[in-house]
């Protein structure tokens, strides 16, 4: 008797959106990273530093900037960091109501 080859199920990393607390695959979220240089957007998902994840929806970004992002990154956002994040948030498409 020969064994049938079993197909491996690929592990898909899950992350929680800081703005709405919804769990989704890591690739569907945008990573914000805190590094010694400050807070920045990490589109590759590989930059060294403490990260937090957000949907590409303005409502999630607005909720996160109210304080959840500070907590997730374990830091207090500077005015310059906030400007970078708000500038990126404004480039996002408007939320679509279903």
Protein backbone atom coordinates (compact mmCIF):
# COMPACT_ATOMS: atom_id res chain seq x y z
CA UNK A 1 0.00 0.00 0.00
CA UNK A 2 1.26 3.45 -0.87
CA UNK A 3 0.25 6.55 0.98
CA UNK A 4 -1.66 9.23 -0.83
CA UNK A 5 0.29 12.50 -0.79
CA UNK A 6 -1.44 15.03 1.45
CA UNK A 7 -1.69 18.61 0.39
CA UNK A 8 -0.23 21.00 2.93
CA UNK A 9 -2.33 23.91 4.05
CA UNK A 10 -0.28 27.10 3.96
CA UNK A 11 -0.36 29.12 7.17
CA UNK A 12 -1.78 32.61 6.66
CA UNK A 13 -0.67 35.07 9.37
CA UNK A 14 -3.56 36.94 11.01
CA UNK A 15 -3.41 40.46 12.47
CA UNK A 16 -5.91 42.71 14.23
CA UNK A 17 -6.78 46.17 12.91
CA UNK A 18 -6.04 48.71 15.66
CA UNK A 19 -8.93 50.93 14.53
CA UNK A 20 -11.85 48.45 14.42
CA UNK A 21 -10.39 45.34 16.14
CA UNK A 22 -11.29 43.08 13.20
CA UNK A 23 -8.93 40.12 12.59
CA UNK A 24 -7.82 39.71 8.97
CA UNK A 25 -4.95 38.24 6.96
CA UNK A 26 -1.78 40.29 7.41
CA UNK A 27 -1.51 41.09 3.69
CA UNK A 28 -4.90 42.85 3.70
CA UNK A 29 -3.80 45.43 6.28
CA UNK A 30 -1.39 48.39 6.26
CA UNK A 31 1.47 48.29 8.77
CA UNK A 32 2.51 51.34 10.78
CA UNK A 33 5.93 50.92 12.37
CA UNK A 34 7.72 52.68 15.22
CA UNK A 35 11.48 52.78 14.80
CA UNK A 36 14.22 54.95 16.32
CA UNK A 37 13.70 57.37 13.38
CA UNK A 38 10.01 57.81 14.28
CA UNK A 39 6.68 56.45 13.10
CA UNK A 40 6.25 55.58 9.42
CA UNK A 41 4.10 53.57 7.01
CA UNK A 42 5.61 50.18 6.15
CA UNK A 43 4.14 49.01 2.85
CA UNK A 44 6.56 46.05 2.61
CA UNK A 45 5.69 44.70 6.06
CA UNK A 46 9.35 43.96 6.74
CA UNK A 47 10.77 47.14 8.28
CA UNK A 48 12.37 46.58 11.69
CA UNK A 49 10.49 48.05 14.63
CA UNK A 50 7.29 47.70 16.60
CA UNK A 51 4.30 47.50 14.26
CA UNK A 52 0.55 48.00 14.31
CA UNK A 53 -1.93 47.15 11.57
CA UNK A 54 -4.81 49.13 10.08
CA UNK A 55 -7.39 48.70 7.30
CA UNK A 56 -7.25 51.00 4.31
CA UNK A 57 -10.36 52.82 5.60
CA UNK A 58 -10.37 56.37 6.92
CA UNK A 59 -12.67 55.42 9.81
CA UNK A 60 -10.14 52.89 11.13
CA UNK A 61 -7.33 55.45 10.88
CA UNK A 62 -9.40 58.10 12.67
CA UNK A 63 -10.20 55.68 15.51
CA UNK A 64 -6.56 54.61 15.77
CA UNK A 65 -5.29 58.19 15.94
CA UNK A 66 -7.57 58.87 18.91
CA UNK A 67 -5.28 56.77 21.10
CA UNK A 68 -5.33 53.11 20.10
CA UNK A 69 -2.26 53.56 17.90
CA UNK A 70 -0.31 55.13 20.78
CA UNK A 71 -1.12 52.09 22.89
CA UNK A 72 -0.30 49.55 20.14
CA UNK A 73 3.04 51.17 19.33
CA UNK A 74 3.81 51.74 23.04
CA UNK A 75 4.75 55.36 22.42
CA UNK A 76 3.29 58.85 22.36
CA UNK A 77 2.92 60.13 18.79
CA UNK A 78 4.74 63.39 18.13
CA UNK A 79 3.14 66.15 16.07
CA UNK A 80 5.43 65.21 13.16
CA UNK A 81 4.37 61.54 13.41
CA UNK A 82 0.70 62.56 13.43
CA UNK A 83 1.24 64.73 10.33
CA UNK A 84 2.79 61.80 8.43
CA UNK A 85 -0.09 59.49 9.40
CA UNK A 86 -2.82 62.06 8.66
CA UNK A 87 -1.24 62.81 5.27
CA UNK A 88 -1.33 59.09 4.43
CA UNK A 89 -4.89 58.76 5.78
CA UNK A 90 -6.08 61.56 3.48
CA UNK A 91 -4.76 59.65 0.46
CA UNK A 92 -6.99 56.67 1.30
CA UNK A 93 -10.30 56.23 -0.53
CA UNK A 94 -13.47 57.25 1.29
CA UNK A 95 -15.27 54.53 3.24
CA UNK A 96 -17.87 52.68 1.20
CA UNK A 97 -21.16 51.92 2.90
CA UNK A 98 -22.63 48.47 2.13
